[in-house]
Amino acid sequence: QVQLVESGGGLVQPGGSLRLSCAASGSIVSIYIMGWYRQAPGKQRELVATMSNGGIRNYADSVKGRFTISRTKNTVDLQMNSLKPEDTAVYYCNAEGPRSSWGQWGQGTQVTVSS
């Protein structure tokens, strides 16, 4: 009932920057947490960053100091700076309702960091 649409992925050289955006639409009552996960080929999907309605941010150790998450009630952005080849992955937007009452994934957007 909730749809998440990501944008902003693409090809960037090491050291470059990208900004990912995600917007939720549909039958939205409330969203508690929005965030970003990523999955590289042959690897498990991993948390990149999340942000709650209360403003609490959570980052993977591998991206601290380089990535910044921000959000409104129904959108979430991820500013990615100083990108490294190991950041290459499909990035997925995620939203979760209060008390984990529901969850939804976006379709994913490819981020490739290569020279």
C-alpha atoms as a PDB file:
ATOM      1  CA  GLN A   1       0.000   0.000   0.000  1.00  0.00           C
ATOM      2  CA  VAL A   2       3.033   2.220   0.397  1.00  0.00           C
ATOM      3  CA  GLN A   3       5.304   2.739  -2.575  1.00  0.00           C
ATOM      4  CA  LEU A   4       8.910   3.862  -2.336  1.00  0.00           C
ATOM      5  CA  VAL A   5      10.654   5.366  -5.343  1.00  0.00           C
ATOM      6  CA  GLU A   6      14.406   5.932  -5.361  1.00  0.00           C
ATOM      7  CA  SER A   7      16.443   8.213  -7.574  1.00  0.00           C
ATOM      8  CA  GLY A   8      19.984   9.528  -7.843  1.00  0.00           C
ATOM      9  CA  GLY A   9      22.026   6.422  -8.516  1.00  0.00           C
ATOM     10  CA  GLY A  10      24.649   6.275 -11.207  1.00  0.00           C
ATOM     11  CA  LEU A  11      28.316   5.961 -12.058  1.00  0.00           C
ATOM     12  CA  VAL A  12      30.857   8.042 -10.190  1.00  0.00           C
ATOM     13  CA  GLN A  13      34.638   8.032  -9.863  1.00  0.00           C
ATOM     14  CA  PRO A  14      36.351   7.222  -6.561  1.00  0.00           C
ATOM     15  CA  GLY A  15      36.310  10.264  -4.320  1.00  0.00           C
ATOM     16  CA  GLY A  16      33.182  11.600  -5.952  1.00  0.00           C
ATOM     17  CA  SER A  17      29.728  12.251  -4.550  1.00  0.00           C
ATOM     18  CA  LEU A  18      26.152  11.195  -5.169  1.00  0.00           C
ATOM     19  CA  ARG A  19      22.879  12.057  -3.523  1.00  0.00           C
ATOM     20  CA  LEU A  20      20.156   9.429  -3.322  1.00  0.00           C
ATOM     21  CA  SER A  21      16.538  10.382  -2.768  1.00  0.00           C
ATOM     22  CA  CYS A  22      13.495   8.328  -1.829  1.00  0.00           C
ATOM     23  CA  ALA A  23       9.868   9.379  -1.656  1.00  0.00           C
ATOM     24  CA  ALA A  24       7.007   7.419  -0.125  1.00  0.00           C
ATOM     25  CA  SER A  25       3.501   7.585  -1.493  1.00  0.00           C
ATOM     26  CA  GLY A  26       0.236   5.694  -1.225  1.00  0.00           C
ATOM     27  CA  SER A  27      -1.705   4.696   1.861  1.00  0.00           C
ATOM     28  CA  ILE A  28       0.546   6.228   4.476  1.00  0.00           C
ATOM     29  CA  VAL A  29      -0.635   6.563   8.043  1.00  0.00           C
ATOM     30  CA  SER A  30       2.746   7.092   9.636  1.00  0.00           C
ATOM     31  CA  ILE A  31       6.359   6.131   9.062  1.00  0.00           C
ATOM     32  CA  TYR A  32       8.631   5.583  12.034  1.00  0.00           C
ATOM     33  CA  ILE A  33      11.961   4.782  10.392  1.00  0.00           C
ATOM     34  CA  MET A  34      13.259   5.423   6.911  1.00  0.00           C
ATOM     35  CA  GLY A  35      16.651   4.411   5.705  1.00  0.00           C
ATOM     36  CA  TRP A  36      18.981   2.942   3.153  1.00  0.00           C
ATOM     37  CA  TYR A  37      20.387  -0.533   2.708  1.00  0.00           C
ATOM     38  CA  ARG A  38      22.722  -1.863   0.056  1.00  0.00           C
ATOM     39  CA  GLN A  39      23.557  -5.175  -1.528  1.00  0.00           C
ATOM     40  CA  ALA A  40      26.652  -5.960  -3.539  1.00  0.00           C
ATOM     41  CA  PRO A  41      26.839  -9.019  -5.819  1.00  0.00           C
ATOM     42  CA  GLY A  42      27.290 -12.196  -3.803  1.00  0.00           C
ATOM     43  CA  LYS A  43      26.823 -10.420  -0.478  1.00  0.00           C
ATOM     44  CA  GLN A  44      24.021 -10.007   2.022  1.00  0.00           C
ATOM     45  CA  ARG A  45      21.968  -6.861   2.141  1.00  0.00           C
ATOM     46  CA  GLU A  46      23.367  -4.558   4.804  1.00  0.00           C
ATOM     47  CA  LEU A  47      22.237  -1.463   6.637  1.00  0.00           C
ATOM     48  CA  VAL A  48      23.790   1.784   5.460  1.00  0.00           C
ATOM     49  CA  ALA A  49      21.908   4.408   7.455  1.00  0.00           C
ATOM     50  CA  THR A  50      18.517   4.948   9.079  1.00  0.00           C
ATOM     51  CA  MET A  51      16.715   7.860  10.670  1.00  0.00           C
ATOM     52  CA  SER A  52      13.715   7.798  12.984  1.00  0.00           C
ATOM     53  CA  ASN A  53      10.960  10.372  13.317  1.00  0.00           C
ATOM     54  CA  GLY A  54      12.650  11.436  16.529  1.00  0.00           C
ATOM     55  CA  GLY A  55      15.789  12.366  14.623  1.00  0.00           C
ATOM     56  CA  ILE A  56      17.971   9.465  15.721  1.00  0.00           C
ATOM     57  CA  ARG A  57      20.499   8.514  13.058  1.00  0.00           C
ATOM     58  CA  ASN A  58      22.211   5.178  12.723  1.00  0.00           C
ATOM     59  CA  TYR A  59      25.146   4.566  10.374  1.00  0.00           C
ATOM     60  CA  ALA A  60      27.176   1.586   9.382  1.00  0.00           C
ATOM     61  CA  ASP A  61      30.757   1.960  10.581  1.00  0.00           C
ATOM     62  CA  SER A  62      31.992   1.764   7.003  1.00  0.00           C
ATOM     63  CA  VAL A  63      30.186   4.970   5.992  1.00  0.00           C
ATOM     64  CA  LYS A  64      30.480   7.125   9.118  1.00  0.00           C
ATOM     65  CA  GLY A  65      31.978  10.486   8.308  1.00  0.00           C
ATOM     66  CA  ARG A  66      31.307  10.084   4.598  1.00  0.00           C
ATOM     67  CA  PHE A  67      27.533   9.632   4.296  1.00  0.00           C
ATOM     68  CA  THR A  68      24.779  11.794   5.743  1.00  0.00           C
ATOM     69  CA  ILE A  69      21.138  10.791   6.032  1.00  0.00           C
ATOM     70  CA  SER A  70      18.303  13.299   6.211  1.00  0.00           C
ATOM     71  CA  ARG A  71      14.543  12.997   6.032  1.00  0.00           C
ATOM     72  CA  THR A  72      11.110  14.501   6.237  1.00  0.00           C
ATOM     73  CA  LYS A  73       7.998  12.582   7.230  1.00  0.00           C
ATOM     74  CA  ASN A  74       7.779  10.810   3.896  1.00  0.00           C
ATOM     75  CA  THR A  75      11.143  11.271   2.206  1.00  0.00           C
ATOM     76  CA  VAL A  76      14.703  10.262   2.940  1.00  0.00           C
ATOM     77  CA  ASP A  77      17.944  11.323   1.282  1.00  0.00           C
ATOM     78  CA  LEU A  78      21.459   9.971   1.481  1.00  0.00           C
ATOM     79  CA  GLN A  79      24.347  12.270   0.690  1.00  0.00           C
ATOM     80  CA  MET A  80      27.359  10.137  -0.187  1.00  0.00           C
ATOM     81  CA  ASN A  81      30.776  11.773  -0.270  1.00  0.00           C
ATOM     82  CA  SER A  82      34.290  10.399  -0.710  1.00  0.00           C
ATOM     83  CA  LEU A  83      32.898   7.358  -2.452  1.00  0.00           C
ATOM     84  CA  LYS A  84      34.999   4.214  -2.639  1.00  0.00           C
ATOM     85  CA  PRO A  85      34.840   1.243  -5.021  1.00  0.00           C
ATOM     86  CA  GLU A  86      33.594  -0.894  -2.128  1.00  0.00           C
ATOM     87  CA  ASP A  87      30.501   1.319  -1.962  1.00  0.00           C
ATOM     88  CA  THR A  88      29.389  -0.180  -5.272  1.00  0.00           C
ATOM     89  CA  ALA A  89      26.031  -1.871  -4.748  1.00  0.00           C
ATOM     90  CA  VAL A  90      22.330  -1.658  -5.358  1.00  0.00           C
ATOM     91  CA  TYR A  91      20.945   0.759  -2.805  1.00  0.00           C
ATOM     92  CA  TYR A  92      17.444   0.162  -1.457  1.00  0.00           C
ATOM     93  CA  CYS A  93      15.186   2.599   0.318  1.00  0.00           C
ATOM     94  CA  ASN A  94      13.292   1.184   3.292  1.00  0.00           C
ATOM     95  CA  ALA A  95      10.421   2.412   5.429  1.00  0.00           C
ATOM     96  CA  GLU A  96       8.962   0.898   8.572  1.00  0.00           C
ATOM     97  CA  GLY A  97       5.836   1.726  10.550  1.00  0.00           C
ATOM     98  CA  PRO A  98       5.489   2.222  14.283  1.00  0.00           C
ATOM     99  CA  ARG A  99       6.083  -0.932  16.324  1.00  0.00           C
ATOM    100  CA  SER A 100       7.257  -2.649  13.130  1.00  0.00           C
ATOM    101  CA  SER A 101       3.629  -2.812  12.056  1.00  0.00           C
ATOM    102  CA  TRP A 102       4.649  -2.775   8.403  1.00  0.00           C
ATOM    103  CA  GLY A 103       7.685  -2.513   6.190  1.00  0.00           C
ATOM    104  CA  GLN A 104       8.329  -1.653   2.567  1.00  0.00           C
ATOM    105  CA  TRP A 105      11.261  -1.714   0.168  1.00  0.00           C
ATOM    106  CA  GLY A 106      11.945   0.337  -2.917  1.00  0.00           C
ATOM    107  CA  GLN A 107      13.038  -1.260  -6.179  1.00  0.00           C
ATOM    108  CA  GLY A 108      16.650  -0.242  -5.715  1.00  0.00           C
ATOM    109  CA  THR A 109      19.044   2.035  -7.540  1.00  0.00           C
ATOM    110  CA  GLN A 110      22.500   1.085  -8.788  1.00  0.00           C
ATOM    111  CA  VAL A 111      25.526   2.945  -7.478  1.00  0.00           C
ATOM    112  CA  THR A 112      28.808   2.165  -9.208  1.00  0.00           C
ATOM    113  CA  VAL A 113      32.088   3.680  -8.044  1.00  0.00           C
ATOM    114  CA  SER A 114      34.778   3.087 -10.631  1.00  0.00           C
ATOM    115  CA  SER A 115      37.471   4.889 -12.562  1.00  0.00           C
END
